[in-house]
């Protein structure tokens, strides 16, 4: 309990977490900081509004039911402050389809139903950040940890990764357009492992999004853009 949480890297995305339950807030914060991310955690609509209006976040993660109001109201008021807003994810213990539909109409991109597995939460956040450009291309800390903190190894493996990326991108795009789901998933699986080793964070999130929704043209476009940005 006395151990300190390492500070997030300077380029870590900044997330506004709105959750009034103490235990749930601590759980969400732990998952988000492990991404890694910098987390501003608040428990009320009023505090969230004050923080969200003062600071530009990369993602809003908002409870739909708050002690002093509704998450949809908070989102509307944050949109008034930020005409080009970051992505917003809602979370709730209410699994009613009507609740989900109302949140989506209000502008949330996804509704996460609690209790929520850490992998599901992390995947939804990574996908939202990747789509908004809130993730940097490279996660140097993750790559260093994966390669025994040897900078030479990191650079060598990244050069090999970038040499092979044009062919991998072409295979993914071709498989997706042909509707060859088996080939697409196999190639994405290999590419995701490589992304993890070299710290290609934004591409890894785009790969994960495409694996989850292989029939989505938007997910394929996001993958293609992320890959091309690295190839340039």
Foldseek 3Di string as FASTA:
>chain_A
DPDDDDDDDPLAFEEEEEAQDPVVQVVLQVLDCVLPHHYDYDHALVVSLVVLLVDAGQEYEYEQDGPVHGRLVSLVSSCVSPVPHHAYEYEYQDPDPVVQVVSVVSRHPYYHHPPDDSVRSSLVVLLSSLLSVSDDQFDQVQLCVLVVNDVVVLVVLVVVLLVCLVVLLVQLVVCLVVVVLVSNLVSLVVNLVSCRNNGRRSLNSLSSVCNVPVNDPVSNVSNNVSSVVSND
